Amino acid sequence: MSEIKQLENQITELNSKLNLLLSNMSTAQLQPCKYTLYDWLKEWYHTYKENELKPNSLLQLRICINKHIKGNLPNKLLNEFTAFEIQKALNQIESTRMRKYTYDTLGAALRQAYKLDLMPNDIMSKTDNIKHKRKTGRALTIDEQKHFIEIIQDNN
């Protein structure tokens, strides 16, 4: 048999094996997800945050979870969420600062679930990044304070 014919046979055999492998991968079943969103957030909080953050940061994190995540997303299995559903929930938060904080919190929790194979994909990577521009301000000068007080007193 010529070398070309041998190569053609090897290519055909490799293609057949590759197609079989791809077919098996597409029909492979993932382990069913055991965590609902709320259960996972609780587990994630206690495992990854509780011993790492200061009390005030933990308080802010709990407020974010309870008010903005639980307030905008249903309690269903992690693998049932879509990126579109999460994006819509984030968009319901009025304050861009809180929307960004919620995006970061939810993203950290769901990415950790993905790393632990609790979710089939990283759905947060499919959502739009939330941008927040911090407002800068300054205190009134003494002259501005005096002027402000004069205006208030004149209007009374």
N, C-alpha and C. Protein backbone atom coordinates (compact mmCIF):
# COMPACT_ATOMS: atom_id res chain seq x y z
N MET A 1 0.86 -1.17 0.00
CA MET A 1 0.00 0.00 0.00
C MET A 1 0.90 1.23 0.00
N SER A 2 0.50 2.18 -0.77
CA SER A 2 1.33 3.38 -0.86
C SER A 2 1.19 4.22 0.41
N GLU A 3 2.16 5.07 0.61
CA GLU A 3 2.15 5.94 1.79
C GLU A 3 0.93 6.86 1.80
N ILE A 4 0.54 7.34 0.65
CA ILE A 4 -0.62 8.24 0.55
C ILE A 4 -1.87 7.50 0.97
N LYS A 5 -2.02 6.28 0.51
CA LYS A 5 -3.19 5.49 0.86
C LYS A 5 -3.23 5.22 2.37
N GLN A 6 -2.07 4.95 2.98
CA GLN A 6 -1.99 4.73 4.42
C GLN A 6 -2.41 5.99 5.17
N LEU A 7 -1.92 7.15 4.72
CA LEU A 7 -2.29 8.41 5.35
C LEU A 7 -3.78 8.66 5.22
N GLU A 8 -4.35 8.40 4.07
CA GLU A 8 -5.79 8.58 3.88
C GLU A 8 -6.57 7.69 4.84
N ASN A 9 -6.15 6.45 5.02
CA ASN A 9 -6.82 5.53 5.95
C ASN A 9 -6.71 6.03 7.39
N GLN A 10 -5.52 6.53 7.76
CA GLN A 10 -5.34 7.05 9.12
C GLN A 10 -6.21 8.29 9.35
N ILE A 11 -6.31 9.16 8.35
CA ILE A 11 -7.14 10.35 8.47
C ILE A 11 -8.60 9.96 8.62
N THR A 12 -9.05 9.00 7.83
CA THR A 12 -10.42 8.53 7.92
C THR A 12 -10.71 7.94 9.29
N GLU A 13 -9.78 7.14 9.79
CA GLU A 13 -9.96 6.54 11.11
C GLU A 13 -9.97 7.61 12.21
N LEU A 14 -9.07 8.59 12.12
CA LEU A 14 -9.04 9.68 13.11
C LEU A 14 -10.31 10.51 13.05
N ASN A 15 -10.81 10.80 11.86
CA ASN A 15 -12.06 11.55 11.73
C ASN A 15 -13.22 10.79 12.36
N SER A 16 -13.24 9.49 12.16
CA SER A 16 -14.29 8.66 12.74
C SER A 16 -14.23 8.71 14.28
N LYS A 17 -13.04 8.60 14.83
CA LYS A 17 -12.88 8.66 16.29
C LYS A 17 -13.23 10.04 16.84
N LEU A 18 -12.83 11.07 16.10
CA LEU A 18 -13.13 12.43 16.53
C LEU A 18 -14.64 12.67 16.53
N ASN A 19 -15.32 12.24 15.49
CA ASN A 19 -16.78 12.40 15.43
C ASN A 19 -17.47 11.65 16.56
N LEU A 20 -16.98 10.46 16.87
CA LEU A 20 -17.55 9.69 17.98
C LEU A 20 -17.33 10.42 19.30
N LEU A 21 -16.13 10.95 19.51
CA LEU A 21 -15.82 11.69 20.72
C LEU A 21 -16.70 12.93 20.84
N LEU A 22 -16.84 13.70 19.77
CA LEU A 22 -17.69 14.89 19.79
C LEU A 22 -19.15 14.54 20.06
N SER A 23 -19.59 13.45 19.49
CA SER A 23 -20.96 13.00 19.71
C SER A 23 -21.18 12.64 21.18
N ASN A 24 -20.22 11.95 21.77
CA ASN A 24 -20.33 11.58 23.19
C ASN A 24 -20.30 12.80 24.08
N MET A 25 -19.49 13.78 23.73
CA MET A 25 -19.40 15.00 24.54
C MET A 25 -20.70 15.78 24.49
N SER A 26 -21.34 15.84 23.35
CA SER A 26 -22.56 16.63 23.23
C SER A 26 -23.74 15.99 23.94
N THR A 27 -23.69 14.68 24.13
CA THR A 27 -24.80 14.00 24.80
C THR A 27 -24.49 13.71 26.27
N ALA A 28 -23.27 14.03 26.70
CA ALA A 28 -22.90 13.78 28.10
C ALA A 28 -23.78 14.62 29.01
N GLN A 29 -24.19 14.02 30.09
CA GLN A 29 -25.05 14.71 31.06
C GLN A 29 -24.20 15.28 32.17
N LEU A 30 -24.43 16.54 32.49
CA LEU A 30 -23.79 17.14 33.65
C LEU A 30 -24.49 16.64 34.91
N GLN A 31 -23.77 16.66 36.00
CA GLN A 31 -24.40 16.34 37.27
C GLN A 31 -25.52 17.34 37.51
N PRO A 32 -26.67 16.89 37.97
CA PRO A 32 -27.74 17.85 38.24
C PRO A 32 -27.30 18.83 39.33
N CYS A 33 -27.67 20.06 39.14
CA CYS A 33 -27.29 21.11 40.09
C CYS A 33 -28.04 20.88 41.41
N LYS A 34 -27.32 21.01 42.50
CA LYS A 34 -27.92 20.78 43.81
C LYS A 34 -28.29 22.07 44.52
N TYR A 35 -27.78 23.18 44.03
CA TYR A 35 -27.99 24.46 44.72
C TYR A 35 -28.98 25.35 44.01
N THR A 36 -29.87 25.94 44.80
CA THR A 36 -30.66 27.05 44.29
C THR A 36 -29.82 28.30 44.49
N LEU A 37 -30.24 29.39 43.85
CA LEU A 37 -29.49 30.63 43.97
C LEU A 37 -29.35 31.06 45.42
N TYR A 38 -30.43 31.07 46.17
CA TYR A 38 -30.39 31.55 47.55
C TYR A 38 -29.54 30.64 48.44
N ASP A 39 -29.64 29.33 48.23
CA ASP A 39 -28.82 28.39 49.00
C ASP A 39 -27.33 28.59 48.69
N TRP A 40 -27.04 28.78 47.39
CA TRP A 40 -25.64 28.98 47.01
C TRP A 40 -25.10 30.30 47.57
N LEU A 41 -25.88 31.37 47.53
CA LEU A 41 -25.42 32.64 48.07
C LEU A 41 -25.10 32.51 49.56
N LYS A 42 -25.93 31.79 50.27
CA LYS A 42 -25.68 31.57 51.70
C LYS A 42 -24.39 30.77 51.91
N GLU A 43 -24.23 29.71 51.15
CA GLU A 43 -23.03 28.87 51.25
C GLU A 43 -21.78 29.67 50.86
N TRP A 44 -21.86 30.42 49.77
CA TRP A 44 -20.75 31.24 49.28
C TRP A 44 -20.37 32.30 50.32
N TYR A 45 -21.36 32.95 50.89
CA TYR A 45 -21.14 33.97 51.91
C TYR A 45 -20.38 33.39 53.10
N HIS A 46 -20.87 32.27 53.61
CA HIS A 46 -20.24 31.67 54.80
C HIS A 46 -18.86 31.08 54.50
N THR A 47 -18.69 30.51 53.33
CA THR A 47 -17.43 29.85 52.99
C THR A 47 -16.35 30.82 52.54
N TYR A 48 -16.73 31.80 51.72
CA TYR A 48 -15.71 32.64 51.08
C TYR A 48 -15.63 34.08 51.61
N LYS A 49 -16.64 34.56 52.28
CA LYS A 49 -16.65 35.97 52.67
C LYS A 49 -16.63 36.21 54.17
N GLU A 50 -17.31 35.38 54.91
CA GLU A 50 -17.52 35.63 56.33
C GLU A 50 -16.22 35.82 57.12
N ASN A 51 -15.20 35.06 56.80
CA ASN A 51 -13.94 35.17 57.54
C ASN A 51 -12.94 36.11 56.86
N GLU A 52 -13.31 36.68 55.73
CA GLU A 52 -12.40 37.54 54.98
C GLU A 52 -12.70 39.02 55.12
N LEU A 53 -13.96 39.36 55.38
CA LEU A 53 -14.36 40.77 55.38
C LEU A 53 -14.63 41.29 56.78
N LYS A 54 -14.53 42.60 56.92
CA LYS A 54 -14.84 43.26 58.19
C LYS A 54 -16.35 43.32 58.38
N PRO A 55 -16.81 43.51 59.61
CA PRO A 55 -18.25 43.49 59.89
C PRO A 55 -19.08 44.46 59.03
N ASN A 56 -18.60 45.66 58.81
CA ASN A 56 -19.37 46.60 58.01
C ASN A 56 -19.47 46.15 56.55
N SER A 57 -18.40 45.58 56.02
CA SER A 57 -18.43 45.06 54.65
C SER A 57 -19.39 43.88 54.54
N LEU A 58 -19.40 43.04 55.57
CA LEU A 58 -20.34 41.91 55.58
C LEU A 58 -21.79 42.40 55.62
N LEU A 59 -22.02 43.46 56.39
CA LEU A 59 -23.36 44.04 56.46
C LEU A 59 -23.78 44.54 55.08
N GLN A 60 -22.91 45.26 54.40
CA GLN A 60 -23.22 45.78 53.06
C GLN A 60 -23.47 44.63 52.08
N LEU A 61 -22.70 43.57 52.21
CA LEU A 61 -22.86 42.41 51.34
C LEU A 61 -24.21 41.74 51.58
N ARG A 62 -24.60 41.59 52.85
CA ARG A 62 -25.92 40.99 53.17
C ARG A 62 -27.05 41.86 52.63
N ILE A 63 -26.92 43.17 52.77
CA ILE A 63 -27.95 44.07 52.24
C ILE A 63 -28.07 43.90 50.73
N CYS A 64 -26.94 43.86 50.06
CA CYS A 64 -26.94 43.68 48.60
C CYS A 64 -27.62 42.37 48.21
N ILE A 65 -27.26 41.30 48.89
CA ILE A 65 -27.85 39.99 48.58
C ILE A 65 -29.35 39.99 48.85
N ASN A 66 -29.75 40.46 50.03
CA ASN A 66 -31.16 40.38 50.41
C ASN A 66 -32.04 41.35 49.63
N LYS A 67 -31.57 42.54 49.41
CA LYS A 67 -32.41 43.54 48.75
C LYS A 67 -32.35 43.47 47.23
N HIS A 68 -31.15 43.39 46.68
CA HIS A 68 -31.02 43.52 45.23
C HIS A 68 -30.95 42.20 44.47
N ILE A 69 -30.31 41.21 45.04
CA ILE A 69 -30.24 39.92 44.34
C ILE A 69 -31.53 39.14 44.58
N LYS A 70 -31.86 38.92 45.85
CA LYS A 70 -33.08 38.17 46.14
C LYS A 70 -34.33 38.97 45.75
N GLY A 71 -34.22 40.28 45.75
CA GLY A 71 -35.36 41.11 45.37
C GLY A 71 -35.63 41.14 43.88
N ASN A 72 -34.65 40.74 43.06
CA ASN A 72 -34.81 40.82 41.60
C ASN A 72 -34.67 39.49 40.87
N LEU A 73 -34.20 38.47 41.56
CA LEU A 73 -34.03 37.16 40.91
C LEU A 73 -34.77 36.09 41.71
N PRO A 74 -35.41 35.16 41.00
CA PRO A 74 -36.14 34.09 41.71
C PRO A 74 -35.17 33.06 42.29
N ASN A 75 -35.66 32.28 43.22
CA ASN A 75 -34.86 31.23 43.83
C ASN A 75 -35.05 29.94 43.05
N LYS A 76 -34.20 29.75 42.06
CA LYS A 76 -34.27 28.51 41.28
C LYS A 76 -32.87 27.92 41.17
N LEU A 77 -32.76 26.74 40.60
CA LEU A 77 -31.47 26.07 40.48
C LEU A 77 -30.50 26.93 39.68
N LEU A 78 -29.24 26.91 40.08
CA LEU A 78 -28.23 27.75 39.43
C LEU A 78 -28.14 27.51 37.93
N ASN A 79 -28.24 26.26 37.51
CA ASN A 79 -28.09 25.95 36.09
C ASN A 79 -29.31 26.33 35.25
N GLU A 80 -30.35 26.85 35.88
CA GLU A 80 -31.54 27.27 35.14
C GLU A 80 -31.51 28.75 34.75
N PHE A 81 -30.54 29.50 35.26
CA PHE A 81 -30.48 30.93 34.96
C PHE A 81 -29.88 31.17 33.58
N THR A 82 -30.32 32.26 32.97
CA THR A 82 -29.74 32.69 31.70
C THR A 82 -29.08 34.05 31.92
N ALA A 83 -28.15 34.37 31.04
CA ALA A 83 -27.48 35.68 31.13
C ALA A 83 -28.49 36.81 30.93
N PHE A 84 -29.44 36.60 30.05
CA PHE A 84 -30.45 37.63 29.78
C PHE A 84 -31.29 37.91 31.03
N GLU A 85 -31.65 36.87 31.73
CA GLU A 85 -32.44 37.01 32.96
C GLU A 85 -31.65 37.79 34.02
N ILE A 86 -30.38 37.49 34.14
CA ILE A 86 -29.54 38.20 35.10
C ILE A 86 -29.36 39.66 34.69
N GLN A 87 -29.15 39.90 33.39
CA GLN A 87 -28.99 41.27 32.91
C GLN A 87 -30.24 42.10 33.18
N LYS A 88 -31.41 41.51 32.95
CA LYS A 88 -32.67 42.22 33.22
C LYS A 88 -32.80 42.55 34.70
N ALA A 89 -32.42 41.62 35.55
CA ALA A 89 -32.51 41.85 37.00
C ALA A 89 -31.57 42.98 37.43
N LEU A 90 -30.36 42.98 36.89
CA LEU A 90 -29.41 44.04 37.23
C LEU A 90 -29.90 45.40 36.75
N ASN A 91 -30.51 45.42 35.58
CA ASN A 91 -30.99 46.68 35.02
C ASN A 91 -32.14 47.28 35.82
N GLN A 92 -32.78 46.50 36.67
CA GLN A 92 -33.88 47.01 37.50
C GLN A 92 -33.38 47.83 38.69
N ILE A 93 -32.09 47.75 38.98
CA ILE A 93 -31.53 48.50 40.11
C ILE A 93 -31.25 49.92 39.63
N GLU A 94 -31.88 50.91 40.27
CA GLU A 94 -31.79 52.29 39.81
C GLU A 94 -30.40 52.90 39.95
N SER A 95 -29.81 52.80 41.10
CA SER A 95 -28.51 53.42 41.37
C SER A 95 -27.40 52.67 40.63
N THR A 96 -26.61 53.40 39.85
CA THR A 96 -25.52 52.74 39.13
C THR A 96 -24.47 52.19 40.10
N ARG A 97 -24.28 52.88 41.21
CA ARG A 97 -23.32 52.39 42.21
C ARG A 97 -23.77 51.06 42.78
N MET A 98 -25.05 50.95 43.13
CA MET A 98 -25.57 49.71 43.70
C MET A 98 -25.66 48.63 42.62
N ARG A 99 -25.98 49.01 41.40
CA ARG A 99 -26.02 48.05 40.29
C ARG A 99 -24.64 47.44 40.09
N LYS A 100 -23.60 48.26 40.15
CA LYS A 100 -22.23 47.78 39.99
C LYS A 100 -21.84 46.86 41.15
N TYR A 101 -22.18 47.25 42.37
CA TYR A 101 -21.87 46.44 43.55
C TYR A 101 -22.59 45.08 43.47
N THR A 102 -23.84 45.11 43.03
CA THR A 102 -24.61 43.88 42.90
C THR A 102 -24.03 42.99 41.80
N TYR A 103 -23.65 43.61 40.68
CA TYR A 103 -23.02 42.89 39.57
C TYR A 103 -21.74 42.19 40.07
N ASP A 104 -20.93 42.92 40.81
CA ASP A 104 -19.68 42.35 41.32
C ASP A 104 -19.94 41.22 42.31
N THR A 105 -20.91 41.41 43.18
CA THR A 105 -21.25 40.39 44.18
C THR A 105 -21.80 39.13 43.53
N LEU A 106 -22.81 39.31 42.69
CA LEU A 106 -23.41 38.17 42.02
C LEU A 106 -22.39 37.47 41.11
N GLY A 107 -21.58 38.28 40.43
CA GLY A 107 -20.55 37.72 39.56
C GLY A 107 -19.56 36.86 40.32
N ALA A 108 -19.10 37.34 41.47
CA ALA A 108 -18.15 36.57 42.27
C ALA A 108 -18.77 35.25 42.73
N ALA A 109 -20.01 35.31 43.16
CA ALA A 109 -20.68 34.10 43.65
C ALA A 109 -20.90 33.09 42.52
N LEU A 110 -21.39 33.57 41.38
CA LEU A 110 -21.68 32.66 40.27
C LEU A 110 -20.41 32.14 39.59
N ARG A 111 -19.37 32.96 39.53
CA ARG A 111 -18.11 32.47 38.96
C ARG A 111 -17.50 31.38 39.85
N GLN A 112 -17.65 31.54 41.16
CA GLN A 112 -17.16 30.51 42.07
C GLN A 112 -17.96 29.21 41.88
N ALA A 113 -19.25 29.33 41.69
CA ALA A 113 -20.08 28.15 41.43
C ALA A 113 -19.64 27.47 40.14
N TYR A 114 -19.32 28.26 39.13
CA TYR A 114 -18.85 27.71 37.85
C TYR A 114 -17.51 26.99 38.04
N LYS A 115 -16.60 27.61 38.79
CA LYS A 115 -15.28 26.98 39.04
C LYS A 115 -15.44 25.64 39.74
N LEU A 116 -16.46 25.53 40.58
CA LEU A 116 -16.69 24.29 41.33
C LEU A 116 -17.58 23.31 40.57
N ASP A 117 -17.84 23.61 39.30
CA ASP A 117 -18.67 22.76 38.44
C ASP A 117 -20.10 22.62 38.94
N LEU A 118 -20.59 23.64 39.62
CA LEU A 118 -21.99 23.65 40.04
C LEU A 118 -22.89 24.22 38.95
N MET A 119 -22.26 24.89 37.97
CA MET A 119 -22.98 25.47 36.83
C MET A 119 -22.27 25.02 35.56
N PRO A 120 -23.03 24.83 34.47
CA PRO A 120 -22.41 24.36 33.23
C PRO A 120 -21.59 25.42 32.50
N ASN A 121 -21.87 26.70 32.75
CA ASN A 121 -21.08 27.76 32.09
C ASN A 121 -21.05 29.00 32.96
N ASP A 122 -20.17 29.90 32.59
CA ASP A 122 -20.01 31.16 33.33
C ASP A 122 -20.96 32.19 32.71
N ILE A 123 -22.19 32.24 33.20
CA ILE A 123 -23.18 33.12 32.58
C ILE A 123 -22.87 34.59 32.81
N MET A 124 -22.12 34.92 33.84
CA MET A 124 -21.79 36.33 34.08
C MET A 124 -20.90 36.87 32.97
N SER A 125 -20.12 36.02 32.32
CA SER A 125 -19.27 36.49 31.23
C SER A 125 -20.11 36.88 30.01
N LYS A 126 -21.36 36.48 30.01
CA LYS A 126 -22.26 36.81 28.89
C LYS A 126 -23.12 38.04 29.17
N THR A 127 -22.97 38.62 30.37
CA THR A 127 -23.73 39.83 30.70
C THR A 127 -22.84 41.05 30.45
N ASP A 128 -23.49 42.19 30.28
CA ASP A 128 -22.74 43.44 30.08
C ASP A 128 -22.13 43.88 31.40
N ASN A 129 -20.89 44.33 31.33
CA ASN A 129 -20.25 44.88 32.52
C ASN A 129 -20.98 46.16 32.92
N ILE A 130 -21.16 46.35 34.20
CA ILE A 130 -21.84 47.54 34.70
C ILE A 130 -20.80 48.60 34.98
N LYS A 131 -21.05 49.78 34.48
CA LYS A 131 -20.13 50.89 34.69
C LYS A 131 -20.75 51.88 35.68
N HIS A 132 -19.92 52.34 36.57
CA HIS A 132 -20.34 53.37 37.52
C HIS A 132 -19.26 54.43 37.58
N LYS A 133 -19.65 55.65 37.36
CA LYS A 133 -18.70 56.75 37.45
C LYS A 133 -18.89 57.42 38.80
N ARG A 134 -17.86 57.38 39.58
CA ARG A 134 -17.92 57.97 40.91
C ARG A 134 -18.05 59.49 40.80
N LYS A 135 -18.98 60.01 41.56
CA LYS A 135 -19.17 61.45 41.57
C LYS A 135 -18.11 62.08 42.47
N THR A 136 -17.56 63.18 42.00
CA THR A 136 -16.59 63.88 42.83
C THR A 136 -17.23 65.17 43.33
N GLY A 137 -16.98 65.47 44.52
CA GLY A 137 -17.53 66.68 45.12
C GLY A 137 -16.50 67.32 46.02
N ARG A 138 -16.85 68.44 46.54
CA ARG A 138 -15.94 69.11 47.46
C ARG A 138 -16.79 69.84 48.50
N ALA A 139 -16.17 70.11 49.61
CA ALA A 139 -16.86 70.85 50.67
C ALA A 139 -16.90 72.33 50.28
N LEU A 140 -17.92 73.02 50.81
CA LEU A 140 -18.00 74.47 50.57
C LEU A 140 -16.88 75.18 51.32
N THR A 141 -16.36 76.22 50.70
CA THR A 141 -15.37 77.05 51.39
C THR A 141 -16.09 77.87 52.45
N ILE A 142 -15.34 78.52 53.33
CA ILE A 142 -15.93 79.36 54.39
C ILE A 142 -16.78 80.47 53.76
N ASP A 143 -16.26 81.10 52.72
CA ASP A 143 -17.01 82.18 52.05
C ASP A 143 -18.29 81.63 51.42
N GLU A 144 -18.23 80.46 50.80
CA GLU A 144 -19.41 79.86 50.20
C GLU A 144 -20.43 79.49 51.28
N GLN A 145 -19.97 79.02 52.43
CA GLN A 145 -20.87 78.69 53.53
C GLN A 145 -21.59 79.94 54.04
N LYS A 146 -20.82 81.02 54.19
CA LYS A 146 -21.41 82.28 54.66
C LYS A 146 -22.46 82.78 53.67
N HIS A 147 -22.12 82.72 52.40
CA HIS A 147 -23.05 83.15 51.36
C HIS A 147 -24.31 82.29 51.36
N PHE A 148 -24.15 80.99 51.50
CA PHE A 148 -25.27 80.05 51.55
C PHE A 148 -26.19 80.38 52.73
N ILE A 149 -25.60 80.61 53.90
CA ILE A 149 -26.38 80.93 55.11
C ILE A 149 -27.13 82.24 54.92
N GLU A 150 -26.48 83.23 54.31
CA GLU A 150 -27.15 84.53 54.05
C GLU A 150 -28.37 84.33 53.16
N ILE A 151 -28.23 83.53 52.14
CA ILE A 151 -29.36 83.30 51.22
C ILE A 151 -30.50 82.61 51.95
N ILE A 152 -30.18 81.63 52.75
CA ILE A 152 -31.23 80.91 53.50
C ILE A 152 -31.94 81.86 54.47
N GLN A 153 -31.17 82.66 55.16
CA GLN A 153 -31.77 83.59 56.13
C GLN A 153 -32.63 84.65 55.44
N ASP A 154 -32.20 85.12 54.26
CA ASP A 154 -32.97 86.11 53.52
C ASP A 154 -34.30 85.55 53.02
N ASN A 155 -34.34 84.27 52.78
CA ASN A 155 -35.56 83.65 52.27
C ASN A 155 -36.56 83.30 53.37
N ASN A 156 -36.17 83.43 54.62
CA ASN A 156 -37.08 83.11 55.73
C ASN A 156 -37.80 84.29 56.16
